[in-house]
PDB file of N, CA and C in Angstrom:
ATOM      1  N   MET A   1       0.735  -1.038   0.134  1.00  0.00           N
ATOM      2  CA  MET A   1      -0.142  -0.027  -0.046  1.00  0.00           C
ATOM      3  C   MET A   1       0.931   1.288  -0.009  1.00  0.00           C
ATOM      4  N   SER A   2       0.740   2.368  -0.618  1.00  0.00           N
ATOM      5  CA  SER A   2       1.388   3.591  -0.829  1.00  0.00           C
ATOM      6  C   SER A   2       1.348   4.160   0.536  1.00  0.00           C
ATOM      7  N   THR A   3       1.800   4.728   0.562  1.00  0.00           N
ATOM      8  CA  THR A   3       1.805   5.408   2.225  1.00  0.00           C
ATOM      9  C   THR A   3       1.402   6.822   1.244  1.00  0.00           C
ATOM     10  N   PHE A   4       1.300   7.652   0.659  1.00  0.00           N
ATOM     11  CA  PHE A   4       0.793   9.237   0.044  1.00  0.00           C
ATOM     12  C   PHE A   4      -0.235   9.014  -0.961  1.00  0.00           C
ATOM     13  N   GLN A   5      -0.891   9.555  -1.413  1.00  0.00           N
ATOM     14  CA  GLN A   5      -2.076   9.752  -2.252  1.00  0.00           C
ATOM     15  C   GLN A   5      -1.749  11.075  -2.991  1.00  0.00           C
ATOM     16  N   LYS A   6      -1.004  10.572  -4.681  1.00  0.00           N
ATOM     17  CA  LYS A   6      -0.850  11.939  -5.589  1.00  0.00           C
ATOM     18  C   LYS A   6      -2.285  13.001  -5.305  1.00  0.00           C
ATOM     19  N   ILE A   7      -1.981  13.444  -5.683  1.00  0.00           N
ATOM     20  CA  ILE A   7      -3.137  15.060  -5.991  1.00  0.00           C
ATOM     21  C   ILE A   7      -2.750  15.628  -7.130  1.00  0.00           C
ATOM     22  N   TYR A   8      -1.496  16.668  -7.640  1.00  0.00           N
ATOM     23  CA  TYR A   8      -1.088  16.701  -8.304  1.00  0.00           C
ATOM     24  C   TYR A   8       0.442  16.831  -8.812  1.00  0.00           C
ATOM     25  N   SER A   9       1.123  16.625  -9.633  1.00  0.00           N
ATOM     26  CA  SER A   9       2.917  17.309 -10.150  1.00  0.00           C
ATOM     27  C   SER A   9       3.040  17.598 -11.317  1.00  0.00           C
ATOM     28  N   ASN A  10       3.772  18.768 -11.471  1.00  0.00           N
ATOM     29  CA  ASN A  10       4.228  19.143 -12.872  1.00  0.00           C
ATOM     30  C   ASN A  10       6.368  19.132 -12.296  1.00  0.00           C
ATOM     31  N   ALA A  11       6.083  19.960 -13.266  1.00  0.00           N
ATOM     32  CA  ALA A  11       7.803  20.275 -13.475  1.00  0.00           C
ATOM     33  C   ALA A  11       8.911  20.441 -12.316  1.00  0.00           C
ATOM     34  N   ILE A  12       7.998  21.207 -11.879  1.00  0.00           N
ATOM     35  CA  ILE A  12       8.902  22.000 -10.105  1.00  0.00           C
ATOM     36  C   ILE A  12       8.773  21.302  -9.238  1.00  0.00           C
ATOM     37  N   GLY A  13       7.479  20.373  -9.148  1.00  0.00           N
ATOM     38  CA  GLY A  13       7.247  19.706  -7.642  1.00  0.00           C
ATOM     39  C   GLY A  13       5.848  18.908  -8.021  1.00  0.00           C
ATOM     40  N   ILE A  14       5.572  18.064  -6.681  1.00  0.00           N
ATOM     41  CA  ILE A  14       4.496  17.364  -6.469  1.00  0.00           C
ATOM     42  C   ILE A  14       3.616  17.900  -5.777  1.00  0.00           C
ATOM     43  N   SER A  15       2.324  17.420  -5.515  1.00  0.00           N
ATOM     44  CA  SER A  15       1.204  17.621  -3.973  1.00  0.00           C
ATOM     45  C   SER A  15       0.857  15.904  -3.633  1.00  0.00           C
ATOM     46  N   PHE A  16       0.596  15.770  -2.460  1.00  0.00           N
ATOM     47  CA  PHE A  16       0.235  14.837  -2.203  1.00  0.00           C
ATOM     48  C   PHE A  16      -0.530  14.268  -1.368  1.00  0.00           C
ATOM     49  N   PHE A  17      -1.797  14.030  -0.278  1.00  0.00           N
ATOM     50  CA  PHE A  17      -1.915  13.323   1.543  1.00  0.00           C
ATOM     51  C   PHE A  17      -1.207  12.005   1.690  1.00  0.00           C
ATOM     52  N   TRP A  18      -0.677  12.002   2.846  1.00  0.00           N
ATOM     53  CA  TRP A  18      -0.291  11.400   3.899  1.00  0.00           C
ATOM     54  C   TRP A  18      -1.249  10.689   3.393  1.00  0.00           C
ATOM     55  N   ASN A  19      -1.267   9.149   3.630  1.00  0.00           N
ATOM     56  CA  ASN A  19      -2.115   7.855   4.066  1.00  0.00           C
ATOM     57  C   ASN A  19      -2.344   7.747   5.359  1.00  0.00           C
ATOM     58  N   GLN A  20      -1.295   7.329   5.773  1.00  0.00           N
ATOM     59  CA  GLN A  20      -1.512   6.647   7.269  1.00  0.00           C
ATOM     60  C   GLN A  20      -1.098   7.882   8.312  1.00  0.00           C
ATOM     61  N   HIS A  21      -1.346   9.209   8.506  1.00  0.00           N
ATOM     62  CA  HIS A  21      -0.976   9.752   9.282  1.00  0.00           C
ATOM     63  C   HIS A  21      -2.227  10.730   9.707  1.00  0.00           C
ATOM     64  N   THR A  22      -2.509  10.244  11.011  1.00  0.00           N
ATOM     65  CA  THR A  22      -4.155  10.758  10.494  1.00  0.00           C
ATOM     66  C   THR A  22      -4.073  12.619  11.756  1.00  0.00           C
ATOM     67  N   GLU A  23      -3.238  12.708  11.961  1.00  0.00           N
ATOM     68  CA  GLU A  23      -2.803  13.634  12.382  1.00  0.00           C
ATOM     69  C   GLU A  23      -2.479  15.009  11.221  1.00  0.00           C
ATOM     70  N   VAL A  24      -2.487  14.599  10.176  1.00  0.00           N
ATOM     71  CA  VAL A  24      -2.175  15.719   9.168  1.00  0.00           C
ATOM     72  C   VAL A  24      -3.192  15.279   7.965  1.00  0.00           C
ATOM     73  N   LYS A  25      -4.365  14.678   8.099  1.00  0.00           N
ATOM     74  CA  LYS A  25      -5.305  14.053   7.560  1.00  0.00           C
ATOM     75  C   LYS A  25      -6.094  14.880   6.408  1.00  0.00           C
ATOM     76  N   ASP A  26      -6.263  16.740   7.363  1.00  0.00           N
ATOM     77  CA  ASP A  26      -6.766  17.532   6.310  1.00  0.00           C
ATOM     78  C   ASP A  26      -6.034  18.419   5.754  1.00  0.00           C
ATOM     79  N   LYS A  27      -4.454  17.883   5.653  1.00  0.00           N
ATOM     80  CA  LYS A  27      -3.465  18.815   5.061  1.00  0.00           C
ATOM     81  C   LYS A  27      -2.851  18.247   3.922  1.00  0.00           C
ATOM     82  N   VAL A  28      -2.283  19.012   2.983  1.00  0.00           N
ATOM     83  CA  VAL A  28      -1.474  18.543   2.000  1.00  0.00           C
ATOM     84  C   VAL A  28       0.064  18.653   1.721  1.00  0.00           C
ATOM     85  N   GLN A  29       0.477  18.329   1.259  1.00  0.00           N
ATOM     86  CA  GLN A  29       2.249  17.853   1.484  1.00  0.00           C
ATOM     87  C   GLN A  29       2.293  18.369  -0.156  1.00  0.00           C
ATOM     88  N   LEU A  30       2.990  19.545   0.134  1.00  0.00           N
ATOM     89  CA  LEU A  30       3.218  20.372  -1.277  1.00  0.00           C
ATOM     90  C   LEU A  30       4.952  20.521  -1.403  1.00  0.00           C
ATOM     91  N   VAL A  31       6.049  20.200  -2.258  1.00  0.00           N
ATOM     92  CA  VAL A  31       6.985  19.903  -1.917  1.00  0.00           C
ATOM     93  C   VAL A  31       7.761  20.533  -4.169  1.00  0.00           C
ATOM     94  N   PHE A  32       8.403  21.331  -3.867  1.00  0.00           N
ATOM     95  CA  PHE A  32       9.256  21.924  -4.279  1.00  0.00           C
ATOM     96  C   PHE A  32      10.639  22.404  -4.502  1.00  0.00           C
ATOM     97  N   ARG A  33      11.169  22.269  -5.302  1.00  0.00           N
ATOM     98  CA  ARG A  33      12.885  22.723  -5.284  1.00  0.00           C
ATOM     99  C   ARG A  33      13.189  21.923  -4.668  1.00  0.00           C
ATOM    100  N   ASP A  34      14.395  22.043  -3.032  1.00  0.00           N
ATOM    101  CA  ASP A  34      14.188  21.318  -1.881  1.00  0.00           C
ATOM    102  C   ASP A  34      13.617  21.543  -0.857  1.00  0.00           C
ATOM    103  N   THR A  35      11.983  21.949  -0.750  1.00  0.00           N
ATOM    104  CA  THR A  35      11.256  22.419  -0.218  1.00  0.00           C
ATOM    105  C   THR A  35       9.753  21.642   0.365  1.00  0.00           C
ATOM    106  N   GLY A  36       9.440  21.551   1.479  1.00  0.00           N
ATOM    107  CA  GLY A  36       8.572  20.715   1.501  1.00  0.00           C
ATOM    108  C   GLY A  36       7.583  21.486   2.624  1.00  0.00           C
ATOM    109  N   PHE A  37       5.779  21.565   2.449  1.00  0.00           N
ATOM    110  CA  PHE A  37       4.991  22.442   2.789  1.00  0.00           C
ATOM    111  C   PHE A  37       4.471  21.587   3.639  1.00  0.00           C
ATOM    112  N   LEU A  38       3.548  21.327   4.376  1.00  0.00           N
ATOM    113  CA  LEU A  38       2.466  20.661   5.100  1.00  0.00           C
ATOM    114  C   LEU A  38       1.297  21.788   5.370  1.00  0.00           C
ATOM    115  N   LEU A  39       0.452  21.877   4.513  1.00  0.00           N
ATOM    116  CA  LEU A  39      -0.766  22.748   4.581  1.00  0.00           C
ATOM    117  C   LEU A  39      -1.675  22.419   4.433  1.00  0.00           C
ATOM    118  N   THR A  40      -2.871  23.768   5.122  1.00  0.00           N
ATOM    119  CA  THR A  40      -4.083  23.082   4.877  1.00  0.00           C
ATOM    120  C   THR A  40      -4.838  24.099   3.245  1.00  0.00           C
ATOM    121  N   LEU A  41      -5.723  23.801   3.021  1.00  0.00           N
ATOM    122  CA  LEU A  41      -6.709  24.751   2.038  1.00  0.00           C
ATOM    123  C   LEU A  41      -6.762  26.235   2.211  1.00  0.00           C
ATOM    124  N   ALA A  42      -6.805  26.114   3.105  1.00  0.00           N
ATOM    125  CA  ALA A  42      -6.795  27.818   3.252  1.00  0.00           C
ATOM    126  C   ALA A  42      -5.202  28.305   3.087  1.00  0.00           C
ATOM    127  N   GLU A  43      -3.994  27.715   3.242  1.00  0.00           N
ATOM    128  CA  GLU A  43      -2.860  27.801   3.662  1.00  0.00           C
ATOM    129  C   GLU A  43      -2.565  28.267   2.448  1.00  0.00           C
ATOM    130  N   LEU A  44      -3.514  26.959   1.304  1.00  0.00           N
ATOM    131  CA  LEU A  44      -2.973  26.688  -0.107  1.00  0.00           C
ATOM    132  C   LEU A  44      -3.648  28.179  -1.002  1.00  0.00           C
ATOM    133  N   GLN A  45      -4.458  28.396  -0.563  1.00  0.00           N
ATOM    134  CA  GLN A  45      -4.854  29.791  -1.432  1.00  0.00           C
ATOM    135  C   GLN A  45      -3.774  31.309  -0.862  1.00  0.00           C
ATOM    136  N   GLU A  46      -4.059  31.513   0.443  1.00  0.00           N
ATOM    137  CA  GLU A  46      -3.273  31.980   0.937  1.00  0.00           C
ATOM    138  C   GLU A  46      -1.642  31.980   0.021  1.00  0.00           C
ATOM    139  N   PHE A  47      -1.262  31.549   0.103  1.00  0.00           N
ATOM    140  CA  PHE A  47       0.209  30.350  -0.896  1.00  0.00           C
ATOM    141  C   PHE A  47      -0.301  31.301  -2.803  1.00  0.00           C
ATOM    142  N   SER A  48      -1.108  30.923  -2.709  1.00  0.00           N
ATOM    143  CA  SER A  48      -1.744  30.918  -4.064  1.00  0.00           C
ATOM    144  C   SER A  48      -1.863  32.752  -4.160  1.00  0.00           C
ATOM    145  N   SER A  49      -2.335  33.174  -3.672  1.00  0.00           N
ATOM    146  CA  SER A  49      -2.492  34.720  -3.508  1.00  0.00           C
ATOM    147  C   SER A  49      -1.370  35.543  -3.373  1.00  0.00           C
ATOM    148  N   TYR A  50      -0.396  35.269  -2.565  1.00  0.00           N
ATOM    149  CA  TYR A  50       1.240  35.655  -2.692  1.00  0.00           C
ATOM    150  C   TYR A  50       2.134  35.368  -4.279  1.00  0.00           C
ATOM    151  N   CYS A  51       1.388  34.196  -4.829  1.00  0.00           N
ATOM    152  CA  CYS A  51       2.124  34.396  -5.938  1.00  0.00           C
ATOM    153  C   CYS A  51       1.716  35.444  -7.235  1.00  0.00           C
ATOM    154  N   VAL A  52       0.428  35.223  -6.873  1.00  0.00           N
ATOM    155  CA  VAL A  52      -0.553  36.456  -7.677  1.00  0.00           C
ATOM    156  C   VAL A  52       0.279  37.246  -7.470  1.00  0.00           C
ATOM    157  N   GLN A  53       0.523  38.235  -6.018  1.00  0.00           N
ATOM    158  CA  GLN A  53       1.185  39.454  -5.699  1.00  0.00           C
ATOM    159  C   GLN A  53       2.260  39.687  -6.214  1.00  0.00           C
ATOM    160  N   VAL A  54       3.480  38.704  -6.570  1.00  0.00           N
ATOM    161  CA  VAL A  54       4.614  38.378  -6.909  1.00  0.00           C
ATOM    162  C   VAL A  54       5.214  38.650  -8.457  1.00  0.00           C
ATOM    163  N   LEU A  55       3.869  38.235  -9.431  1.00  0.00           N
ATOM    164  CA  LEU A  55       3.586  37.979 -10.447  1.00  0.00           C
ATOM    165  C   LEU A  55       3.445  39.363 -10.776  1.00  0.00           C
ATOM    166  N   SER A  56       2.725  40.409 -10.224  1.00  0.00           N
ATOM    167  CA  SER A  56       2.313  41.274 -11.086  1.00  0.00           C
ATOM    168  C   SER A  56       3.555  42.540 -10.862  1.00  0.00           C
ATOM    169  N   THR A  57       4.577  42.052  -9.772  1.00  0.00           N
ATOM    170  CA  THR A  57       5.390  43.205  -9.945  1.00  0.00           C
ATOM    171  C   THR A  57       6.725  42.667 -11.081  1.00  0.00           C
ATOM    172  N   THR A  58       7.513  43.383 -11.409  1.00  0.00           N
ATOM    173  CA  THR A  58       7.836  43.541 -12.708  1.00  0.00           C
ATOM    174  C   THR A  58       9.321  42.869 -12.610  1.00  0.00           C
ATOM    175  N   GLY A  59      10.268  43.070 -11.724  1.00  0.00           N
ATOM    176  CA  GLY A  59      11.309  42.823 -11.597  1.00  0.00           C
ATOM    177  C   GLY A  59      12.288  43.498 -11.753  1.00  0.00           C
ATOM    178  N   CYS A  60      13.790  43.058 -12.515  1.00  0.00           N
ATOM    179  CA  CYS A  60      14.893  43.791 -13.174  1.00  0.00           C
ATOM    180  C   CYS A  60      14.193  44.645 -14.548  1.00  0.00           C
ATOM    181  N   GLU A  61      13.915  45.144 -14.756  1.00  0.00           N
ATOM    182  CA  GLU A  61      12.896  45.448 -16.173  1.00  0.00           C
ATOM    183  C   GLU A  61      14.317  45.522 -17.219  1.00  0.00           C
ATOM    184  N   HIS A  62      15.884  46.193 -16.780  1.00  0.00           N
ATOM    185  CA  HIS A  62      16.680  46.051 -17.339  1.00  0.00           C
ATOM    186  C   HIS A  62      17.348  44.851 -18.070  1.00  0.00           C
ATOM    187  N   CYS A  63      17.147  44.230 -17.213  1.00  0.00           N
ATOM    188  CA  CYS A  63      18.636  43.044 -16.912  1.00  0.00           C
ATOM    189  C   CYS A  63      17.710  41.968 -17.961  1.00  0.00           C
ATOM    190  N   LYS A  64      18.887  41.104 -19.355  1.00  0.00           N
ATOM    191  CA  LYS A  64      18.360  40.767 -19.948  1.00  0.00           C
ATOM    192  C   LYS A  64      18.269  38.718 -19.586  1.00  0.00           C
ATOM    193  N   HIS A  65      19.069  38.863 -18.216  1.00  0.00           N
ATOM    194  CA  HIS A  65      18.782  37.534 -18.061  1.00  0.00           C
ATOM    195  C   HIS A  65      17.521  37.535 -16.476  1.00  0.00           C
ATOM    196  N   SER A  66      16.837  38.508 -16.869  1.00  0.00           N
ATOM    197  CA  SER A  66      15.764  38.593 -15.092  1.00  0.00           C
ATOM    198  C   SER A  66      14.903  36.992 -15.349  1.00  0.00           C
ATOM    199  N   ASP A  67      14.357  36.538 -16.528  1.00  0.00           N
ATOM    200  CA  ASP A  67      13.829  34.864 -16.039  1.00  0.00           C
ATOM    201  C   ASP A  67      14.596  34.394 -15.550  1.00  0.00           C
ATOM    202  N   GLN A  68      15.680  33.872 -15.656  1.00  0.00           N
ATOM    203  CA  GLN A  68      16.633  33.385 -14.872  1.00  0.00           C
ATOM    204  C   GLN A  68      16.939  33.686 -13.971  1.00  0.00           C
ATOM    205  N   CYS A  69      16.989  34.404 -13.462  1.00  0.00           N
ATOM    206  CA  CYS A  69      17.475  35.370 -11.870  1.00  0.00           C
ATOM    207  C   CYS A  69      16.716  34.537 -10.994  1.00  0.00           C
ATOM    208  N   ARG A  70      16.970  34.175  -9.641  1.00  0.00           N
ATOM    209  CA  ARG A  70      16.106  34.217  -8.562  1.00  0.00           C
ATOM    210  C   ARG A  70      16.007  35.657  -7.839  1.00  0.00           C
ATOM    211  N   ASN A  71      15.383  36.362  -8.576  1.00  0.00           N
ATOM    212  CA  ASN A  71      15.439  37.994  -7.912  1.00  0.00           C
ATOM    213  C   ASN A  71      13.729  38.262  -7.464  1.00  0.00           C
ATOM    214  N   LEU A  72      12.932  37.689  -7.669  1.00  0.00           N
ATOM    215  CA  LEU A  72      11.831  37.736  -7.088  1.00  0.00           C
ATOM    216  C   LEU A  72      11.791  36.478  -5.510  1.00  0.00           C
ATOM    217  N   LEU A  73      10.971  37.479  -4.954  1.00  0.00           N
ATOM    218  CA  LEU A  73      10.612  37.428  -3.171  1.00  0.00           C
ATOM    219  C   LEU A  73       8.979  36.610  -2.839  1.00  0.00           C
ATOM    220  N   LEU A  74       9.274  35.274  -2.549  1.00  0.00           N
ATOM    221  CA  LEU A  74       8.575  35.113  -2.438  1.00  0.00           C
ATOM    222  C   LEU A  74       7.666  34.666  -1.397  1.00  0.00           C
ATOM    223  N   ARG A  75       6.796  34.912  -0.367  1.00  0.00           N
ATOM    224  CA  ARG A  75       6.245  34.989   1.181  1.00  0.00           C
ATOM    225  C   ARG A  75       5.648  33.474   0.843  1.00  0.00           C
ATOM    226  N   THR A  76       5.762  33.435   1.800  1.00  0.00           N
ATOM    227  CA  THR A  76       4.767  31.770   2.111  1.00  0.00           C
ATOM    228  C   THR A  76       4.290  32.080   3.457  1.00  0.00           C
ATOM    229  N   PRO A  77       2.736  30.893   3.035  1.00  0.00           N
ATOM    230  CA  PRO A  77       2.074  30.521   4.744  1.00  0.00           C
ATOM    231  C   PRO A  77       2.918  30.619   5.712  1.00  0.00           C
ATOM    232  N   SER A  78       3.896  30.134   6.250  1.00  0.00           N
ATOM    233  CA  SER A  78       4.449  30.431   7.103  1.00  0.00           C
ATOM    234  C   SER A  78       5.316  31.233   7.203  1.00  0.00           C
ATOM    235  N   SER A  79       5.458  32.689   8.208  1.00  0.00           N
ATOM    236  CA  SER A  79       5.710  34.078   8.764  1.00  0.00           C
ATOM    237  C   SER A  79       7.038  34.260   8.346  1.00  0.00           C
ATOM    238  N   LYS A  80       7.724  32.972   8.786  1.00  0.00           N
ATOM    239  CA  LYS A  80       9.592  33.360   8.727  1.00  0.00           C
ATOM    240  C   LYS A  80      10.473  32.660   7.392  1.00  0.00           C
ATOM    241  N   ILE A  81       9.456  32.469   6.431  1.00  0.00           N
ATOM    242  CA  ILE A  81      10.168  31.536   5.006  1.00  0.00           C
ATOM    243  C   ILE A  81       9.110  32.610   4.282  1.00  0.00           C
ATOM    244  N   ASP A  82      10.726  32.972   3.247  1.00  0.00           N
ATOM    245  CA  ASP A  82      10.215  33.878   2.602  1.00  0.00           C
ATOM    246  C   ASP A  82      10.923  32.432   1.076  1.00  0.00           C
ATOM    247  N   LEU A  83      10.925  32.712   0.018  1.00  0.00           N
ATOM    248  CA  LEU A  83      11.695  32.027  -1.059  1.00  0.00           C
ATOM    249  C   LEU A  83      12.103  33.406  -2.250  1.00  0.00           C
ATOM    250  N   ALA A  84      13.215  32.633  -2.692  1.00  0.00           N
ATOM    251  CA  ALA A  84      13.697  33.651  -3.969  1.00  0.00           C
ATOM    252  C   ALA A  84      13.541  32.437  -4.990  1.00  0.00           C
ATOM    253  N   VAL A  85      12.858  33.348  -6.174  1.00  0.00           N
ATOM    254  CA  VAL A  85      11.972  31.961  -7.129  1.00  0.00           C
ATOM    255  C   VAL A  85      12.932  33.078  -8.451  1.00  0.00           C
ATOM    256  N   ASN A  86      13.085  32.300  -9.600  1.00  0.00           N
ATOM    257  CA  ASN A  86      12.678  33.078 -11.025  1.00  0.00           C
ATOM    258  C   ASN A  86      11.390  33.095 -11.849  1.00  0.00           C
ATOM    259  N   LYS A  87      11.096  34.149 -12.459  1.00  0.00           N
ATOM    260  CA  LYS A  87       9.538  34.413 -12.880  1.00  0.00           C
ATOM    261  C   LYS A  87       9.364  33.037 -13.266  1.00  0.00           C
ATOM    262  N   GLN A  88       9.662  32.245 -13.904  1.00  0.00           N
ATOM    263  CA  GLN A  88       9.544  30.359 -14.368  1.00  0.00           C
ATOM    264  C   GLN A  88       9.062  29.493 -13.424  1.00  0.00           C
ATOM    265  N   GLU A  89      10.026  29.703 -12.108  1.00  0.00           N
ATOM    266  CA  GLU A  89       9.724  29.226 -11.179  1.00  0.00           C
ATOM    267  C   GLU A  89       8.503  29.312 -10.569  1.00  0.00           C
ATOM    268  N   LEU A  90       8.624  30.833 -10.402  1.00  0.00           N
ATOM    269  CA  LEU A  90       6.722  30.947  -9.858  1.00  0.00           C
ATOM    270  C   LEU A  90       5.789  30.847 -10.794  1.00  0.00           C
ATOM    271  N   VAL A  91       5.817  30.488 -11.999  1.00  0.00           N
ATOM    272  CA  VAL A  91       4.909  30.563 -12.390  1.00  0.00           C
ATOM    273  C   VAL A  91       4.361  28.440 -12.328  1.00  0.00           C
ATOM    274  N   ASP A  92       5.997  28.179 -12.286  1.00  0.00           N
ATOM    275  CA  ASP A  92       5.205  26.693 -12.037  1.00  0.00           C
ATOM    276  C   ASP A  92       4.700  26.033 -10.740  1.00  0.00           C
ATOM    277  N   ILE A  93       5.136  26.886  -9.934  1.00  0.00           N
ATOM    278  CA  ILE A  93       4.593  26.924  -8.420  1.00  0.00           C
ATOM    279  C   ILE A  93       3.250  27.707  -7.851  1.00  0.00           C
ATOM    280  N   GLN A  94       3.035  28.518  -8.933  1.00  0.00           N
ATOM    281  CA  GLN A  94       1.659  28.873  -9.066  1.00  0.00           C
ATOM    282  C   GLN A  94       0.392  27.765  -9.538  1.00  0.00           C
ATOM    283  N   GLU A  95       1.092  27.314 -10.594  1.00  0.00           N
ATOM    284  CA  GLU A  95       0.423  26.214 -11.377  1.00  0.00           C
ATOM    285  C   GLU A  95       0.284  25.049 -10.516  1.00  0.00           C
ATOM    286  N   LEU A  96       0.995  24.817  -9.442  1.00  0.00           N
ATOM    287  CA  LEU A  96       1.193  23.877  -8.800  1.00  0.00           C
ATOM    288  C   LEU A  96       0.089  23.738  -7.889  1.00  0.00           C
ATOM    289  N   ILE A  97       0.432  25.043  -7.210  1.00  0.00           N
ATOM    290  CA  ILE A  97      -0.433  25.289  -5.814  1.00  0.00           C
ATOM    291  C   ILE A  97      -2.100  25.534  -6.400  1.00  0.00           C
ATOM    292  N   ASN A  98      -2.177  25.854  -7.688  1.00  0.00           N
ATOM    293  CA  ASN A  98      -3.929  26.587  -8.014  1.00  0.00           C
ATOM    294  C   ASN A  98      -4.234  24.897  -8.469  1.00  0.00           C
ATOM    295  N   GLN A  99      -3.168  24.088  -9.365  1.00  0.00           N
ATOM    296  CA  GLN A  99      -3.912  22.490  -9.748  1.00  0.00           C
ATOM    297  C   GLN A  99      -4.190  21.874  -8.387  1.00  0.00           C
ATOM    298  N   THR A 100      -3.655  21.993  -7.642  1.00  0.00           N
ATOM    299  CA  THR A 100      -4.064  21.227  -6.350  1.00  0.00           C
ATOM    300  C   THR A 100      -5.163  21.925  -5.372  1.00  0.00           C
ATOM    301  N   ILE A 101      -5.195  22.978  -5.403  1.00  0.00           N
ATOM    302  CA  ILE A 101      -5.990  23.798  -4.874  1.00  0.00           C
ATOM    303  C   ILE A 101      -7.369  23.239  -5.048  1.00  0.00           C
ATOM    304  N   MET A 102      -7.653  23.139  -6.857  1.00  0.00           N
ATOM    305  CA  MET A 102      -8.817  22.682  -7.380  1.00  0.00           C
ATOM    306  C   MET A 102      -8.773  21.358  -7.162  1.00  0.00           C
ATOM    307  N   ALA A 103      -8.290  20.222  -6.835  1.00  0.00           N
ATOM    308  CA  ALA A 103      -8.335  19.110  -6.725  1.00  0.00           C
ATOM    309  C   ALA A 103      -9.115  18.889  -5.372  1.00  0.00           C
ATOM    310  N   VAL A 104      -8.478  19.702  -4.702  1.00  0.00           N
ATOM    311  CA  VAL A 104      -8.567  19.334  -3.018  1.00  0.00           C
ATOM    312  C   VAL A 104     -10.502  19.509  -3.023  1.00  0.00           C
ATOM    313  N   GLN A 105     -10.698  21.128  -3.485  1.00  0.00           N
ATOM    314  CA  GLN A 105     -11.990  21.317  -3.508  1.00  0.00           C
ATOM    315  C   GLN A 105     -12.791  20.429  -4.103  1.00  0.00           C
ATOM    316  N   LEU A 106     -12.633  19.995  -5.556  1.00  0.00           N
ATOM    317  CA  LEU A 106     -13.740  19.303  -5.944  1.00  0.00           C
ATOM    318  C   LEU A 106     -13.748  17.795  -5.162  1.00  0.00           C
ATOM    319  N   LYS A 107     -12.494  17.304  -4.641  1.00  0.00           N
ATOM    320  CA  LYS A 107     -12.420  16.315  -3.853  1.00  0.00           C
ATOM    321  C   LYS A 107     -13.558  16.380  -2.321  1.00  0.00           C
ATOM    322  N   LYS A 108     -13.387  17.370  -1.759  1.00  0.00           N
ATOM    323  CA  LYS A 108     -14.509  17.497  -0.818  1.00  0.00           C
ATOM    324  C   LYS A 108     -15.541  18.183  -1.087  1.00  0.00           C
ATOM    325  N   TRP A 109     -15.907  18.548  -2.404  1.00  0.00           N
ATOM    326  CA  TRP A 109     -17.419  18.515  -3.050  1.00  0.00           C
ATOM    327  C   TRP A 109     -17.798  17.703  -3.606  1.00  0.00           C
ATOM    328  N   PHE A 110     -16.920  16.588  -4.101  1.00  0.00           N
ATOM    329  CA  PHE A 110     -17.127  14.918  -3.972  1.00  0.00           C
ATOM    330  C   PHE A 110     -17.812  14.366  -2.723  1.00  0.00           C
ATOM    331  N   SER A 111     -17.381  14.330  -1.946  1.00  0.00           N
ATOM    332  CA  SER A 111     -17.033  13.911  -0.663  1.00  0.00           C
ATOM    333  C   SER A 111     -18.821  14.048  -0.122  1.00  0.00           C
ATOM    334  N   SER A 112     -18.936  15.243  -0.195  1.00  0.00           N
ATOM    335  CA  SER A 112     -20.046  16.095   0.807  1.00  0.00           C
ATOM    336  C   SER A 112     -21.379  15.345  -0.452  1.00  0.00           C
ATOM    337  N   ILE A 113     -21.254  15.116  -1.588  1.00  0.00           N
ATOM    338  CA  ILE A 113     -22.706  14.507  -2.490  1.00  0.00           C
ATOM    339  C   ILE A 113     -22.477  13.195  -2.594  1.00  0.00           C
ATOM    340  N   CYS A 114     -20.967  12.418  -2.519  1.00  0.00           N
ATOM    341  CA  CYS A 114     -21.683  10.779  -1.948  1.00  0.00           C
ATOM    342  C   CYS A 114     -20.718  10.759  -1.112  1.00  0.00           C
ATOM    343  N   PRO A 115     -21.237  10.201   0.319  1.00  0.00           N
ATOM    344  CA  PRO A 115     -20.462  10.237   1.586  1.00  0.00           C
ATOM    345  C   PRO A 115     -19.292   8.849   1.283  1.00  0.00           C
ATOM    346  N   ASN A 116     -19.570   7.816   0.774  1.00  0.00           N
ATOM    347  CA  ASN A 116     -19.510   6.495   0.278  1.00  0.00           C
ATOM    348  C   ASN A 116     -17.830   6.742  -0.289  1.00  0.00           C
TER     349      ASN A 116
END
């Protein structure tokens, strides 16, 4: 039996539920680069909003390497952790978070209409 249930993955990371850990049953494990976050749905939504805020910034406007440079600072749901990311990583992280949110909400919706 697998120890986790995959929710979503892309080029930068993966999200999943732990199967056997009852203390984290309402949380999602989100892993990208070398970092893992154990988050609630509300924290995932907060994280997504931080991605939107950072995507609206321009970064280094005159640098021709700004897409590859980790010049963007992404807040996380943990008040003590921020991540330095480049624009492509940010887009991939946002996709991972948003697809995870959608899958978790869909799972909750199906559970509410079909409790079995």
